[in-house]
Amino acid sequence: MRYVFVIILLLAIVGCQQQDYSPKPRGFFRIDFPTKSYQEAQTGCPFILEIPSYSQMLDDPNEDAKECWKNLYFPQFNATLHLSYFPINKSTSFQQLTEDARTFAFKHTTKATAIDQSRISIPEHEVYGIQYLIGGNTASNYQFFVSDSTEHYLRGALYFNEKPHLDSIQPVLEFIKSDIKHLIHSVKWK
């Protein structure tokens, strides 16, 4: 009887040791980024720019789209950079276009944690503008406009084709932001 009691006691001690069975945190898929390389885009519009070789530039498919509105698709990342070109004239003034860009960027205020603005100045190409870095779980985290302030105006807005979740898209956002900065620095007016 004594041996049975000792065996049961030993089994109870060994069987009741604390083990951590907490669930593992949710993870995200590994993202393989392509090598950065750029090519000149044939837009047929009054501007020239360089786009990443792993992207596709197509005409905007919306029925309200103007002639030189383009979409730069990043299929690997499920993202689209919407580009809208406007000629500056009496019906579309520079002041009106820049105010529209500011309004579109600040529409994200309700979800944004911050909206940082910085100037774009590339005097050798007569390209000037503002970029908006929008923090938080917003529909668009990066927007910009560039212009020569007399004839040409180009606005861009980056959207991911999924529910906004900044933690999961942050690495891709940083990768694409560098592509957009290259695109901006390559803009030349015709």
Protein backbone atom coordinates (compact mmCIF):
# COMPACT_ATOMS: atom_id res chain seq x y z
CA MET A 1 0.00 0.00 0.00
CA ARG A 2 2.87 2.26 0.80
CA TYR A 3 4.36 1.82 -2.70
CA VAL A 4 1.03 2.60 -4.35
CA PHE A 5 0.73 5.81 -2.34
CA VAL A 6 4.32 6.89 -3.27
CA ILE A 7 3.69 6.14 -6.98
CA ILE A 8 0.43 8.13 -6.99
CA LEU A 9 2.17 11.00 -5.18
CA LEU A 10 5.03 11.01 -7.70
CA LEU A 11 2.61 10.93 -10.65
CA ALA A 12 0.67 13.85 -9.16
CA ILE A 13 3.83 15.90 -8.70
CA VAL A 14 5.12 15.17 -12.23
CA GLY A 15 1.71 15.63 -13.84
CA CYS A 16 0.92 18.94 -12.20
CA GLN A 17 3.96 20.92 -13.31
CA GLN A 18 3.11 24.32 -14.79
CA GLN A 19 3.30 24.43 -18.58
CA ASP A 20 2.49 27.47 -20.69
CA TYR A 21 -0.19 26.70 -23.26
CA SER A 22 -0.88 30.32 -24.25
CA PRO A 23 -1.74 30.91 -27.90
CA LYS A 24 0.94 32.27 -30.21
CA PRO A 25 0.50 35.82 -31.51
CA ARG A 26 -1.00 36.23 -34.95
CA GLY A 27 1.63 36.62 -37.62
CA PHE A 28 1.76 37.99 -41.13
CA PHE A 29 3.02 36.48 -44.34
CA ARG A 30 6.59 37.01 -45.37
CA ILE A 31 6.87 39.55 -48.17
CA ASP A 32 9.55 39.16 -50.82
CA PHE A 33 10.30 42.55 -52.31
CA PRO A 34 11.47 42.76 -55.93
CA THR A 35 14.72 44.43 -56.90
CA LYS A 36 14.22 48.14 -57.53
CA SER A 37 14.40 49.05 -61.21
CA TYR A 38 12.59 51.73 -63.18
CA GLN A 39 11.48 52.39 -66.73
CA GLU A 40 10.07 55.42 -68.51
CA ALA A 41 6.29 55.26 -68.83
CA GLN A 42 4.67 55.99 -72.17
CA THR A 43 1.66 57.99 -70.95
CA GLY A 44 0.65 59.90 -74.07
CA CYS A 45 0.11 62.86 -71.74
CA PRO A 46 1.98 66.15 -71.25
CA PHE A 47 4.29 64.62 -68.64
CA ILE A 48 7.00 61.98 -68.57
CA LEU A 49 7.86 59.90 -65.52
CA GLU A 50 9.61 56.70 -64.50
CA ILE A 51 7.66 53.85 -62.94
CA PRO A 52 8.84 50.65 -61.23
CA SER A 53 9.34 47.73 -63.62
CA TYR A 54 7.13 45.55 -61.37
CA SER A 55 4.14 47.90 -61.80
CA GLN A 56 1.65 48.45 -64.62
CA MET A 57 0.35 51.83 -65.78
CA LEU A 58 -3.13 51.76 -67.30
CA ASP A 59 -5.81 54.33 -68.06
CA ASP A 60 -8.24 54.96 -65.21
CA PRO A 61 -11.28 52.70 -65.91
CA ASN A 62 -13.86 54.92 -64.16
CA GLU A 63 -16.44 56.42 -66.47
CA ASP A 64 -15.84 59.88 -64.93
CA ALA A 65 -12.10 59.68 -65.61
CA LYS A 66 -10.45 62.40 -67.67
CA GLU A 67 -8.07 61.75 -70.57
CA CYS A 68 -4.78 61.76 -68.63
CA TRP A 69 -5.89 60.02 -65.47
CA LYS A 70 -3.76 56.92 -64.96
CA ASN A 71 -3.61 54.10 -62.45
CA LEU A 72 -0.27 52.63 -61.49
CA TYR A 73 -0.99 49.07 -60.31
CA PHE A 74 1.29 47.15 -57.97
CA PRO A 75 -0.26 43.65 -58.42
CA GLN A 76 2.16 41.92 -56.05
CA PHE A 77 1.13 44.29 -53.23
CA ASN A 78 -2.57 44.75 -54.09
CA ALA A 79 -2.08 48.52 -54.28
CA THR A 80 -2.89 51.28 -56.77
CA LEU A 81 -1.44 54.74 -57.18
CA HIS A 82 -4.14 56.90 -58.76
CA LEU A 83 -2.63 59.69 -60.88
CA SER A 84 -4.77 62.62 -62.06
CA TYR A 85 -3.41 65.18 -64.50
CA PHE A 86 -5.04 68.57 -65.03
CA PRO A 87 -3.96 71.38 -67.33
CA ILE A 88 -3.96 74.70 -65.50
CA ASN A 89 -6.25 77.17 -67.25
CA LYS A 90 -9.15 79.53 -66.57
CA SER A 91 -11.57 76.70 -65.68
CA THR A 92 -9.11 74.89 -63.38
CA SER A 93 -6.88 77.32 -61.50
CA PHE A 94 -3.75 76.31 -59.64
CA GLN A 95 -5.21 77.58 -56.37
CA GLN A 96 -8.39 75.51 -56.82
CA LEU A 97 -6.42 72.34 -57.65
CA THR A 98 -4.08 72.68 -54.66
CA GLU A 99 -7.04 73.29 -52.35
CA ASP A 100 -8.73 70.16 -53.74
CA ALA A 101 -5.58 68.13 -53.02
CA ARG A 102 -5.49 69.44 -49.44
CA THR A 103 -9.20 68.66 -49.00
CA PHE A 104 -8.76 65.09 -50.28
CA ALA A 105 -5.82 64.50 -47.94
CA PHE A 106 -7.59 65.93 -44.90
CA LYS A 107 -10.76 63.87 -45.52
CA HIS A 108 -8.84 61.12 -43.71
CA THR A 109 -8.67 63.18 -40.49
CA THR A 110 -11.26 61.04 -38.66
CA LYS A 111 -9.11 57.89 -38.92
CA ALA A 112 -5.65 59.49 -39.14
CA THR A 113 -3.28 59.65 -36.19
CA ALA A 114 -1.23 62.34 -37.97
CA ILE A 115 -1.01 64.12 -41.31
CA ASP A 116 2.48 65.35 -42.11
CA GLN A 117 3.02 67.70 -45.01
CA SER A 118 6.34 68.36 -46.68
CA ARG A 119 7.28 70.42 -49.69
CA ILE A 120 8.52 68.99 -52.94
CA SER A 121 10.98 71.17 -54.81
CA ILE A 122 12.86 70.01 -57.90
CA PRO A 123 13.82 73.26 -59.66
CA GLU A 124 15.77 71.59 -62.48
CA HIS A 125 12.52 70.01 -63.76
CA GLU A 126 10.22 72.84 -62.64
CA VAL A 127 8.43 70.43 -60.31
CA TYR A 128 7.05 71.80 -57.05
CA GLY A 129 4.38 70.49 -54.74
CA ILE A 130 3.41 68.96 -51.42
CA GLN A 131 3.35 65.38 -50.17
CA TYR A 132 0.96 64.23 -47.44
CA LEU A 133 2.02 61.34 -45.20
CA ILE A 134 -1.12 60.17 -43.43
CA GLY A 135 -0.59 58.02 -40.33
CA GLY A 136 -3.05 55.50 -38.96
CA ASN A 137 -5.55 53.04 -40.41
CA THR A 138 -6.73 55.27 -43.24
CA ALA A 139 -7.78 54.38 -46.77
CA SER A 140 -4.83 56.30 -48.25
CA ASN A 141 -1.54 56.75 -46.38
CA TYR A 142 0.32 58.72 -49.04
CA GLN A 143 -0.85 61.53 -51.32
CA PHE A 144 0.93 64.25 -53.24
CA PHE A 145 0.62 66.85 -55.93
CA VAL A 146 3.27 68.36 -58.18
CA SER A 147 3.03 71.23 -60.61
CA ASP A 148 4.96 73.90 -62.47
CA SER A 149 2.21 76.27 -61.17
CA THR A 150 1.50 77.72 -64.62
CA GLU A 151 0.50 74.92 -67.03
CA HIS A 152 0.70 71.43 -65.49
CA TYR A 153 -0.68 69.77 -62.35
CA LEU A 154 -0.38 66.10 -61.33
CA ARG A 155 -1.96 64.60 -58.21
CA GLY A 156 -1.35 61.12 -56.80
CA ALA A 157 -3.02 59.04 -54.09
CA LEU A 158 -1.93 55.57 -52.98
CA TYR A 159 -4.62 53.06 -51.99
CA PHE A 160 -4.35 49.45 -50.89
CA ASN A 161 -7.19 47.24 -52.11
CA GLU A 162 -7.97 45.81 -48.68
CA LYS A 163 -9.19 46.89 -45.27
CA PRO A 164 -6.75 49.43 -43.80
CA HIS A 165 -4.51 47.88 -41.17
CA LEU A 166 -1.30 49.91 -40.92
CA ASP A 167 0.64 47.26 -38.97
CA SER A 168 0.30 44.74 -41.78
CA ILE A 169 0.92 47.10 -44.71
CA GLN A 170 3.72 49.19 -43.14
CA PRO A 171 6.65 47.34 -44.82
CA VAL A 172 4.92 47.47 -48.21
CA LEU A 173 3.97 51.12 -47.70
CA GLU A 174 7.59 52.04 -47.01
CA PHE A 175 8.72 50.09 -50.08
CA ILE A 176 6.17 51.77 -52.37
CA LYS A 177 6.79 55.24 -50.86
CA SER A 178 10.38 55.10 -52.12
CA ASP A 179 9.04 54.18 -55.58
CA ILE A 180 6.65 57.14 -55.51
CA LYS A 181 9.46 59.48 -54.45
CA HIS A 182 11.47 58.22 -57.44
CA LEU A 183 8.43 58.78 -59.67
CA ILE A 184 8.06 62.35 -58.37
CA HIS A 185 11.74 63.12 -58.94
CA SER A 186 11.51 61.77 -62.49
CA VAL A 187 8.53 63.92 -63.55
CA LYS A 188 9.25 66.14 -66.55
CA TRP A 189 6.69 68.35 -68.26
CA LYS A 190 6.31 68.28 -72.06
